[in-house]
PDB file of all heavy atoms in Angstrom:
ATOM      1  N   ILE A   1     -90.131   7.638-115.907  1.00  0.00           N
ATOM      2  CA  ILE A   1     -90.633   8.908-115.504  1.00  0.00           C
ATOM      3  C   ILE A   1     -92.069   8.910-114.858  1.00  0.00           C
ATOM      4  O   ILE A   1     -92.310   9.542-113.879  1.00  0.00           O
ATOM      5  CB  ILE A   1     -90.762   9.917-116.692  1.00  0.00           C
ATOM      6  CG1 ILE A   1     -91.167  11.314-116.311  1.00  0.00           C
ATOM      7  CG2 ILE A   1     -91.609   9.348-117.818  1.00  0.00           C
ATOM      8  CD1 ILE A   1     -90.220  12.011-115.352  1.00  0.00           C
ATOM      9  N   THR A   2     -92.882   7.946-115.391  1.00  0.00           N
ATOM     10  CA  THR A   2     -94.226   7.791-114.797  1.00  0.00           C
ATOM     11  C   THR A   2     -94.185   7.285-113.371  1.00  0.00           C
ATOM     12  O   THR A   2     -94.923   7.715-112.487  1.00  0.00           O
ATOM     13  CB  THR A   2     -95.125   6.907-115.629  1.00  0.00           C
ATOM     14  OG1 THR A   2     -94.433   5.684-115.815  1.00  0.00           O
ATOM     15  CG2 THR A   2     -95.453   7.587-116.986  1.00  0.00           C
ATOM     16  N   THR A   3     -93.267   6.387-113.141  1.00  0.00           N
ATOM     17  CA  THR A   3     -93.059   5.831-111.762  1.00  0.00           C
ATOM     18  C   THR A   3     -92.614   6.894-110.807  1.00  0.00           C
ATOM     19  O   THR A   3     -93.136   7.066-109.663  1.00  0.00           O
ATOM     20  CB  THR A   3     -92.083   4.711-111.784  1.00  0.00           C
ATOM     21  OG1 THR A   3     -92.465   3.680-112.717  1.00  0.00           O
ATOM     22  CG2 THR A   3     -92.025   4.028-110.355  1.00  0.00           C
ATOM     23  N   LEU A   4     -91.657   7.701-111.337  1.00  0.00           N
ATOM     24  CA  LEU A   4     -91.085   8.774-110.488  1.00  0.00           C
ATOM     25  C   LEU A   4     -92.180   9.820-110.148  1.00  0.00           C
ATOM     26  O   LEU A   4     -92.290  10.246-108.921  1.00  0.00           O
ATOM     27  CB  LEU A   4     -90.001   9.474-111.153  1.00  0.00           C
ATOM     28  CG  LEU A   4     -89.372  10.697-110.476  1.00  0.00           C
ATOM     29  CD1 LEU A   4     -88.692  10.209-109.101  1.00  0.00           C
ATOM     30  CD2 LEU A   4     -88.263  11.300-111.317  1.00  0.00           C
ATOM     31  N   ILE A   5     -93.004  10.202-111.169  1.00  0.00           N
ATOM     32  CA  ILE A   5     -94.027  11.205-110.813  1.00  0.00           C
ATOM     33  C   ILE A   5     -95.125  10.671-109.848  1.00  0.00           C
ATOM     34  O   ILE A   5     -95.560  11.384-108.866  1.00  0.00           O
ATOM     35  CB  ILE A   5     -94.713  11.588-112.113  1.00  0.00           C
ATOM     36  CG1 ILE A   5     -93.738  12.436-113.035  1.00  0.00           C
ATOM     37  CG2 ILE A   5     -96.028  12.299-111.898  1.00  0.00           C
ATOM     38  CD1 ILE A   5     -94.306  12.823-114.416  1.00  0.00           C
ATOM     39  N   VAL A   6     -95.497   9.398-109.941  1.00  0.00           N
ATOM     40  CA  VAL A   6     -96.435   8.897-108.986  1.00  0.00           C
ATOM     41  C   VAL A   6     -95.871   8.869-107.616  1.00  0.00           C
ATOM     42  O   VAL A   6     -96.519   9.202-106.589  1.00  0.00           O
ATOM     43  CB  VAL A   6     -96.749   7.421-109.351  1.00  0.00           C
ATOM     44  CG1 VAL A   6     -97.466   6.662-108.284  1.00  0.00           C
ATOM     45  CG2 VAL A   6     -97.559   7.271-110.726  1.00  0.00           C
ATOM     46  N   PHE A   7     -94.596   8.428-107.405  1.00  0.00           N
ATOM     47  CA  PHE A   7     -93.975   8.466-106.073  1.00  0.00           C
ATOM     48  C   PHE A   7     -93.885   9.972-105.557  1.00  0.00           C
ATOM     49  O   PHE A   7     -94.089  10.181-104.351  1.00  0.00           O
ATOM     50  CB  PHE A   7     -92.525   7.895-106.240  1.00  0.00           C
ATOM     51  CG  PHE A   7     -92.500   6.426-106.215  1.00  0.00           C
ATOM     52  CD1 PHE A   7     -91.449   5.793-106.876  1.00  0.00           C
ATOM     53  CD2 PHE A   7     -93.479   5.640-105.723  1.00  0.00           C
ATOM     54  CE1 PHE A   7     -91.290   4.343-106.924  1.00  0.00           C
ATOM     55  CE2 PHE A   7     -93.377   4.218-105.814  1.00  0.00           C
ATOM     56  CZ  PHE A   7     -92.325   3.639-106.429  1.00  0.00           C
ATOM     57  N   ILE A   8     -93.589  10.898-106.392  1.00  0.00           N
ATOM     58  CA  ILE A   8     -93.456  12.254-105.991  1.00  0.00           C
ATOM     59  C   ILE A   8     -94.790  12.836-105.504  1.00  0.00           C
ATOM     60  O   ILE A   8     -94.842  13.500-104.468  1.00  0.00           O
ATOM     61  CB  ILE A   8     -92.889  13.184-107.094  1.00  0.00           C
ATOM     62  CG1 ILE A   8     -91.432  12.915-107.402  1.00  0.00           C
ATOM     63  CG2 ILE A   8     -93.041  14.669-106.820  1.00  0.00           C
ATOM     64  CD1 ILE A   8     -90.871  13.590-108.695  1.00  0.00           C
ATOM     65  N   VAL A   9     -95.846  12.483-106.170  1.00  0.00           N
ATOM     66  CA  VAL A   9     -97.161  12.943-105.856  1.00  0.00           C
ATOM     67  C   VAL A   9     -97.600  12.316-104.534  1.00  0.00           C
ATOM     68  O   VAL A   9     -98.206  12.927-103.626  1.00  0.00           O
ATOM     69  CB  VAL A   9     -98.179  12.627-106.898  1.00  0.00           C
ATOM     70  CG1 VAL A   9     -99.625  12.881-106.475  1.00  0.00           C
ATOM     71  CG2 VAL A   9     -97.938  13.430-108.210  1.00  0.00           C
ATOM     72  N   CYS A  10     -97.297  11.030-104.297  1.00  0.00           N
ATOM     73  CA  CYS A  10     -97.647  10.408-103.027  1.00  0.00           C
ATOM     74  C   CYS A  10     -96.847  11.127-101.808  1.00  0.00           C
ATOM     75  O   CYS A  10     -97.533  11.323-100.813  1.00  0.00           O
ATOM     76  CB  CYS A  10     -97.210   8.958-103.025  1.00  0.00           C
ATOM     77  SG  CYS A  10     -98.189   7.912-104.139  1.00  0.00           S
ATOM     78  N   ILE A  11     -95.625  11.320-101.996  1.00  0.00           N
ATOM     79  CA  ILE A  11     -94.824  12.033-100.919  1.00  0.00           C
ATOM     80  C   ILE A  11     -95.475  13.391-100.651  1.00  0.00           C
ATOM     81  O   ILE A  11     -95.599  13.748 -99.516  1.00  0.00           O
ATOM     82  CB  ILE A  11     -93.400  12.135-101.299  1.00  0.00           C
ATOM     83  CG1 ILE A  11     -92.761  10.692-101.335  1.00  0.00           C
ATOM     84  CG2 ILE A  11     -92.602  13.054-100.408  1.00  0.00           C
ATOM     85  CD1 ILE A  11     -91.310  10.681-101.746  1.00  0.00           C
ATOM     86  N   SER A  12     -95.811  14.119-101.769  1.00  0.00           N
ATOM     87  CA  SER A  12     -96.322  15.476-101.615  1.00  0.00           C
ATOM     88  C   SER A  12     -97.666  15.416-100.790  1.00  0.00           C
ATOM     89  O   SER A  12     -97.906  16.230 -99.938  1.00  0.00           O
ATOM     90  CB  SER A  12     -96.593  16.122-102.937  1.00  0.00           C
ATOM     91  OG  SER A  12     -97.185  17.263-102.869  1.00  0.00           O
ATOM     92  N   PHE A  13     -98.492  14.412-101.165  1.00  0.00           N
ATOM     93  CA  PHE A  13     -99.776  14.316-100.554  1.00  0.00           C
ATOM     94  C   PHE A  13     -99.716  14.069 -99.064  1.00  0.00           C
ATOM     95  O   PHE A  13    -100.406  14.684 -98.269  1.00  0.00           O
ATOM     96  CB  PHE A  13    -100.583  13.158-101.251  1.00  0.00           C
ATOM     97  CG  PHE A  13    -101.920  12.998-100.674  1.00  0.00           C
ATOM     98  CD1 PHE A  13    -102.894  13.987-100.627  1.00  0.00           C
ATOM     99  CD2 PHE A  13    -102.373  11.721-100.124  1.00  0.00           C
ATOM    100  CE1 PHE A  13    -104.132  13.795-100.086  1.00  0.00           C
ATOM    101  CE2 PHE A  13    -103.561  11.528 -99.577  1.00  0.00           C
ATOM    102  CZ  PHE A  13    -104.541  12.563 -99.592  1.00  0.00           C
ATOM    103  N   ILE A  14     -98.814  13.179 -98.695  1.00  0.00           N
ATOM    104  CA  ILE A  14     -98.593  12.924 -97.270  1.00  0.00           C
ATOM    105  C   ILE A  14     -98.070  14.167 -96.535  1.00  0.00           C
ATOM    106  O   ILE A  14     -98.581  14.456 -95.395  1.00  0.00           O
ATOM    107  CB  ILE A  14     -97.503  11.714 -97.098  1.00  0.00           C
ATOM    108  CG1 ILE A  14     -98.118  10.498 -97.646  1.00  0.00           C
ATOM    109  CG2 ILE A  14     -97.163  11.569 -95.578  1.00  0.00           C
ATOM    110  CD1 ILE A  14     -97.111   9.241 -97.713  1.00  0.00           C
ATOM    111  N   ASN A  15     -97.123  14.852 -97.103  1.00  0.00           N
ATOM    112  CA  ASN A  15     -96.616  16.137 -96.539  1.00  0.00           C
ATOM    113  C   ASN A  15     -97.742  17.141 -96.357  1.00  0.00           C
ATOM    114  O   ASN A  15     -97.644  17.900 -95.355  1.00  0.00           O
ATOM    115  CB  ASN A  15     -95.510  16.663 -97.411  1.00  0.00           C
ATOM    116  CG  ASN A  15     -94.123  16.045 -97.173  1.00  0.00           C
ATOM    117  OD1 ASN A  15     -93.933  15.516 -96.013  1.00  0.00           O
ATOM    118  ND2 ASN A  15     -93.267  16.061 -98.090  1.00  0.00           N
ATOM    119  N   GLN A  16     -98.646  17.222 -97.240  1.00  0.00           N
ATOM    120  CA  GLN A  16     -99.803  18.138 -97.122  1.00  0.00           C
ATOM    121  C   GLN A  16    -100.627  17.842 -95.955  1.00  0.00           C
ATOM    122  O   GLN A  16    -101.329  18.830 -95.442  1.00  0.00           O
ATOM    123  CB  GLN A  16    -100.616  18.199 -98.432  1.00  0.00           C
ATOM    124  CG  GLN A  16     -99.892  18.597 -99.677  1.00  0.00           C
ATOM    125  CD  GLN A  16     -99.360  20.014 -99.694  1.00  0.00           C
ATOM    126  OE1 GLN A  16     -99.779  20.828 -98.915  1.00  0.00           O
ATOM    127  NE2 GLN A  16     -98.496  20.338-100.597  1.00  0.00           N
ATOM    128  N   ILE A  17    -100.675  16.648 -95.532  1.00  0.00           N
ATOM    129  CA  ILE A  17    -101.455  16.237 -94.326  1.00  0.00           C
ATOM    130  C   ILE A  17    -100.765  16.505 -93.053  1.00  0.00           C
ATOM    131  O   ILE A  17    -101.236  16.937 -92.051  1.00  0.00           O
ATOM    132  CB  ILE A  17    -101.876  14.843 -94.495  1.00  0.00           C
ATOM    133  CG1 ILE A  17    -102.805  14.646 -95.719  1.00  0.00           C
ATOM    134  CG2 ILE A  17    -102.739  14.431 -93.210  1.00  0.00           C
ATOM    135  CD1 ILE A  17    -103.194  13.089 -95.960  1.00  0.00           C
ATOM    136  N   VAL A  18     -99.353  16.269 -93.125  1.00  0.00           N
ATOM    137  CA  VAL A  18     -98.532  16.239 -91.950  1.00  0.00           C
ATOM    138  C   VAL A  18     -98.439  17.626 -91.357  1.00  0.00           C
ATOM    139  O   VAL A  18     -98.572  17.772 -90.072  1.00  0.00           O
ATOM    140  CB  VAL A  18     -97.124  15.606 -92.162  1.00  0.00           C
ATOM    141  CG1 VAL A  18     -96.177  15.887 -91.026  1.00  0.00           C
ATOM    142  CG2 VAL A  18     -97.282  14.093 -92.374  1.00  0.00           C
ATOM    143  N   TYR A  19     -98.189  18.612 -92.183  1.00  0.00           N
ATOM    144  CA  TYR A  19     -97.918  19.950 -91.699  1.00  0.00           C
ATOM    145  C   TYR A  19     -99.095  20.606 -90.955  1.00  0.00           C
ATOM    146  O   TYR A  19     -98.958  21.054 -89.830  1.00  0.00           O
ATOM    147  CB  TYR A  19     -97.461  20.902 -92.854  1.00  0.00           C
ATOM    148  CG  TYR A  19     -97.007  22.272 -92.342  1.00  0.00           C
ATOM    149  CD1 TYR A  19     -96.026  22.314 -91.341  1.00  0.00           C
ATOM    150  CD2 TYR A  19     -97.676  23.359 -92.787  1.00  0.00           C
ATOM    151  CE1 TYR A  19     -95.600  23.663 -90.934  1.00  0.00           C
ATOM    152  CE2 TYR A  19     -97.241  24.655 -92.299  1.00  0.00           C
ATOM    153  CZ  TYR A  19     -96.249  24.749 -91.464  1.00  0.00           C
ATOM    154  OH  TYR A  19     -95.924  26.028 -90.918  1.00  0.00           O
ATOM    155  N   PRO A  20    -100.355  20.481 -91.415  1.00  0.00           N
ATOM    156  CA  PRO A  20    -101.504  21.013 -90.750  1.00  0.00           C
ATOM    157  C   PRO A  20    -101.654  20.318 -89.361  1.00  0.00           C
ATOM    158  O   PRO A  20    -102.103  20.893 -88.474  1.00  0.00           O
ATOM    159  CB  PRO A  20    -102.679  20.783 -91.681  1.00  0.00           C
ATOM    160  CG  PRO A  20    -102.096  20.719 -93.018  1.00  0.00           C
ATOM    161  CD  PRO A  20    -100.778  20.080 -92.844  1.00  0.00           C
ATOM    162  N   ILE A  21    -101.408  18.940 -89.420  1.00  0.00           N
ATOM    163  CA  ILE A  21    -101.500  18.236 -88.185  1.00  0.00           C
ATOM    164  C   ILE A  21    -100.592  18.776 -87.048  1.00  0.00           C
ATOM    165  O   ILE A  21    -100.945  18.970 -85.911  1.00  0.00           O
ATOM    166  CB  ILE A  21    -101.244  16.723 -88.335  1.00  0.00           C
ATOM    167  CG1 ILE A  21    -102.423  16.054 -89.090  1.00  0.00           C
ATOM    168  CG2 ILE A  21    -100.963  15.953 -87.050  1.00  0.00           C
ATOM    169  CD1 ILE A  21    -102.265  14.633 -89.367  1.00  0.00           C
ATOM    170  N   GLN A  22     -99.315  18.985 -87.508  1.00  0.00           N
ATOM    171  CA  GLN A  22     -98.410  19.604 -86.576  1.00  0.00           C
ATOM    172  C   GLN A  22     -98.743  20.906 -85.997  1.00  0.00           C
ATOM    173  O   GLN A  22     -98.713  21.282 -84.852  1.00  0.00           O
ATOM    174  CB  GLN A  22     -97.002  19.710 -87.222  1.00  0.00           C
ATOM    175  CG  GLN A  22     -96.409  18.337 -87.491  1.00  0.00           C
ATOM    176  CD  GLN A  22     -95.016  18.403 -88.175  1.00  0.00           C
ATOM    177  OE1 GLN A  22     -94.862  19.284 -88.973  1.00  0.00           O
ATOM    178  NE2 GLN A  22     -94.160  17.459 -87.948  1.00  0.00           N
ATOM    179  N   LEU A  23     -99.298  21.858 -86.894  1.00  0.00           N
ATOM    180  CA  LEU A  23     -99.807  23.111 -86.406  1.00  0.00           C
ATOM    181  C   LEU A  23    -101.026  22.980 -85.518  1.00  0.00           C
ATOM    182  O   LEU A  23    -101.191  23.719 -84.565  1.00  0.00           O
ATOM    183  CB  LEU A  23    -100.239  23.998 -87.673  1.00  0.00           C
ATOM    184  CG  LEU A  23     -99.138  24.499 -88.522  1.00  0.00           C
ATOM    185  CD1 LEU A  23     -99.576  25.335 -89.696  1.00  0.00           C
ATOM    186  CD2 LEU A  23     -98.077  25.364 -87.769  1.00  0.00           C
ATOM    187  N   THR A  24    -101.913  22.063 -85.804  1.00  0.00           N
ATOM    188  CA  THR A  24    -103.068  21.711 -84.970  1.00  0.00           C
ATOM    189  C   THR A  24    -102.586  21.280 -83.573  1.00  0.00           C
ATOM    190  O   THR A  24    -103.327  21.607 -82.597  1.00  0.00           O
ATOM    191  CB  THR A  24    -103.916  20.679 -85.588  1.00  0.00           C
ATOM    192  OG1 THR A  24    -104.342  21.116 -86.979  1.00  0.00           O
ATOM    193  CG2 THR A  24    -105.130  20.429 -84.849  1.00  0.00           C
ATOM    194  N   LEU A  25    -101.541  20.642 -83.446  1.00  0.00           N
ATOM    195  CA  LEU A  25    -101.012  20.079 -82.150  1.00  0.00           C
ATOM    196  C   LEU A  25    -100.498  21.191 -81.260  1.00  0.00           C
ATOM    197  O   LEU A  25    -100.525  21.026 -80.026  1.00  0.00           O
ATOM    198  CB  LEU A  25     -99.991  19.053 -82.444  1.00  0.00           C
ATOM    199  CG  LEU A  25    -100.414  17.663 -82.922  1.00  0.00           C
ATOM    200  CD1 LEU A  25     -99.214  16.791 -83.132  1.00  0.00           C
ATOM    201  CD2 LEU A  25    -101.341  16.991 -81.917  1.00  0.00           C
ATOM    202  N   LEU A  26    -100.016  22.228 -81.870  1.00  0.00           N
ATOM    203  CA  LEU A  26     -99.334  23.335 -81.106  1.00  0.00           C
ATOM    204  C   LEU A  26    -100.225  23.890 -79.894  1.00  0.00           C
ATOM    205  O   LEU A  26     -99.678  23.917 -78.696  1.00  0.00           O
ATOM    206  CB  LEU A  26     -98.885  24.519 -81.907  1.00  0.00           C
ATOM    207  CG  LEU A  26     -97.758  24.241 -82.932  1.00  0.00           C
ATOM    208  CD1 LEU A  26     -97.327  25.507 -83.613  1.00  0.00           C
ATOM    209  CD2 LEU A  26     -96.565  23.651 -82.158  1.00  0.00           C
ATOM    210  N   PRO A  27    -101.448  24.211 -80.062  1.00  0.00           N
ATOM    211  CA  PRO A  27    -102.314  24.655 -78.967  1.00  0.00           C
ATOM    212  C   PRO A  27    -102.491  23.640 -77.910  1.00  0.00           C
ATOM    213  O   PRO A  27    -102.897  23.946 -76.746  1.00  0.00           O
ATOM    214  CB  PRO A  27    -103.631  25.078 -79.578  1.00  0.00           C
ATOM    215  CG  PRO A  27    -103.366  25.186 -81.063  1.00  0.00           C
ATOM    216  CD  PRO A  27    -102.284  24.239 -81.332  1.00  0.00           C
ATOM    217  N   LYS A  28    -102.314  22.413 -78.278  1.00  0.00           N
ATOM    218  CA  LYS A  28    -102.477  21.317 -77.266  1.00  0.00           C
ATOM    219  C   LYS A  28    -101.280  21.025 -76.445  1.00  0.00           C
ATOM    220  O   LYS A  28    -101.366  20.387 -75.380  1.00  0.00           O
ATOM    221  CB  LYS A  28    -102.911  19.997 -78.005  1.00  0.00           C
ATOM    222  CG  LYS A  28    -104.223  20.094 -78.786  1.00  0.00           C
ATOM    223  CD  LYS A  28    -104.413  18.808 -79.546  1.00  0.00           C
ATOM    224  CE  LYS A  28    -105.704  18.918 -80.439  1.00  0.00           C
ATOM    225  NZ  LYS A  28    -106.010  17.704 -81.137  1.00  0.00           N
ATOM    226  N   ILE A  29    -100.171  21.455 -76.960  1.00  0.00           N
ATOM    227  CA  ILE A  29     -98.888  21.126 -76.277  1.00  0.00           C
ATOM    228  C   ILE A  29     -98.164  22.285 -75.641  1.00  0.00           C
ATOM    229  O   ILE A  29     -97.211  22.130 -74.939  1.00  0.00           O
ATOM    230  CB  ILE A  29     -97.909  20.319 -77.132  1.00  0.00           C
ATOM    231  CG1 ILE A  29     -97.491  21.153 -78.337  1.00  0.00           C
ATOM    232  CG2 ILE A  29     -98.533  18.977 -77.599  1.00  0.00           C
ATOM    233  CD1 ILE A  29     -96.480  20.410 -79.309  1.00  0.00           C
ATOM    234  N   VAL A  30     -98.584  23.550 -75.995  1.00  0.00           N
ATOM    235  CA  VAL A  30     -97.875  24.717 -75.421  1.00  0.00           C
ATOM    236  C   VAL A  30     -98.999  25.634 -74.879  1.00  0.00           C
ATOM    237  O   VAL A  30    -100.202  25.529 -75.214  1.00  0.00           O
ATOM    238  CB  VAL A  30     -97.043  25.523 -76.477  1.00  0.00           C
ATOM    239  CG1 VAL A  30     -96.088  24.702 -77.139  1.00  0.00           C
ATOM    240  CG2 VAL A  30     -97.985  26.135 -77.591  1.00  0.00           C
ATOM    241  N   LYS A  31     -98.631  26.442 -73.861  1.00  0.00           N
ATOM    242  CA  LYS A  31     -99.569  27.369 -73.323  1.00  0.00           C
ATOM    243  C   LYS A  31    -100.019  28.461 -74.326  1.00  0.00           C
ATOM    244  O   LYS A  31     -99.218  28.816 -75.162  1.00  0.00           O
ATOM    245  CB  LYS A  31     -98.863  28.046 -72.013  1.00  0.00           C
ATOM    246  CG  LYS A  31     -98.533  27.019 -70.934  1.00  0.00           C
ATOM    247  CD  LYS A  31     -97.820  27.810 -69.834  1.00  0.00           C
ATOM    248  CE  LYS A  31     -97.424  26.855 -68.669  1.00  0.00           C
ATOM    249  NZ  LYS A  31     -96.597  27.588 -67.671  1.00  0.00           N
ATOM    250  N   GLN A  32    -101.157  28.963 -74.140  1.00  0.00           N
ATOM    251  CA  GLN A  32    -101.642  30.033 -75.022  1.00  0.00           C
ATOM    252  C   GLN A  32    -100.797  31.202 -75.139  1.00  0.00           C
ATOM    253  O   GLN A  32    -100.453  31.704 -76.248  1.00  0.00           O
ATOM    254  CB  GLN A  32    -103.039  30.440 -74.698  1.00  0.00           C
ATOM    255  CG  GLN A  32    -103.797  31.294 -75.767  1.00  0.00           C
ATOM    256  CD  GLN A  32    -105.156  31.492 -75.473  1.00  0.00           C
ATOM    257  OE1 GLN A  32    -105.536  32.049 -74.457  1.00  0.00           O
ATOM    258  NE2 GLN A  32    -106.151  31.304 -76.432  1.00  0.00           N
ATOM    259  N   GLU A  33    -100.160  31.589 -74.011  1.00  0.00           N
ATOM    260  CA  GLU A  33     -99.348  32.801 -74.011  1.00  0.00           C
ATOM    261  C   GLU A  33     -98.080  32.460 -74.850  1.00  0.00           C
ATOM    262  O   GLU A  33     -97.185  33.505 -75.121  1.00  0.00           O
ATOM    263  CB  GLU A  33     -99.046  33.313 -72.645  1.00  0.00           C
ATOM    264  CG  GLU A  33     -98.297  32.272 -71.787  1.00  0.00           C
ATOM    265  CD  GLU A  33     -99.326  31.517 -70.866  1.00  0.00           C
ATOM    266  OE1 GLU A  33    -100.473  31.386 -71.290  1.00  0.00           O
ATOM    267  OE2 GLU A  33     -99.017  31.084 -69.808  1.00  0.00           O
ATOM    268  N   ASP A  34     -97.696  31.243 -75.102  1.00  0.00           N
ATOM    269  CA  ASP A  34     -96.445  30.844 -75.723  1.00  0.00           C
ATOM    270  C   ASP A  34     -96.678  30.546 -77.239  1.00  0.00           C
ATOM    271  O   ASP A  34     -95.771  30.129 -77.944  1.00  0.00           O
ATOM    272  CB  ASP A  34     -95.837  29.605 -75.058  1.00  0.00           C
ATOM    273  CG  ASP A  34     -95.143  30.012 -73.787  1.00  0.00           C
ATOM    274  OD1 ASP A  34     -94.786  31.103 -73.600  1.00  0.00           O
ATOM    275  OD2 ASP A  34     -95.134  29.092 -72.852  1.00  0.00           O
ATOM    276  N   LEU A  35     -97.949  30.769 -77.688  1.00  0.00           N
ATOM    277  CA  LEU A  35     -98.204  30.375 -79.101  1.00  0.00           C
ATOM    278  C   LEU A  35     -97.531  31.164 -80.110  1.00  0.00           C
ATOM    279  O   LEU A  35     -97.077  30.607 -81.197  1.00  0.00           O
ATOM    280  CB  LEU A  35     -99.735  30.421 -79.338  1.00  0.00           C
ATOM    281  CG  LEU A  35    -100.537  29.123 -78.954  1.00  0.00           C
ATOM    282  CD1 LEU A  35    -102.088  29.406 -79.151  1.00  0.00           C
ATOM    283  CD2 LEU A  35    -100.178  27.954 -79.825  1.00  0.00           C
TER     284      LEU A  35
END
């Protein structure tokens, strides 16, 4: 159980970084009128 929880937290932490990065990229890759 301890191993599983550590792995779950690691995956969650990475996901918390990835999603804001993707949102940050949107203004860089689409026109403002398409946001």
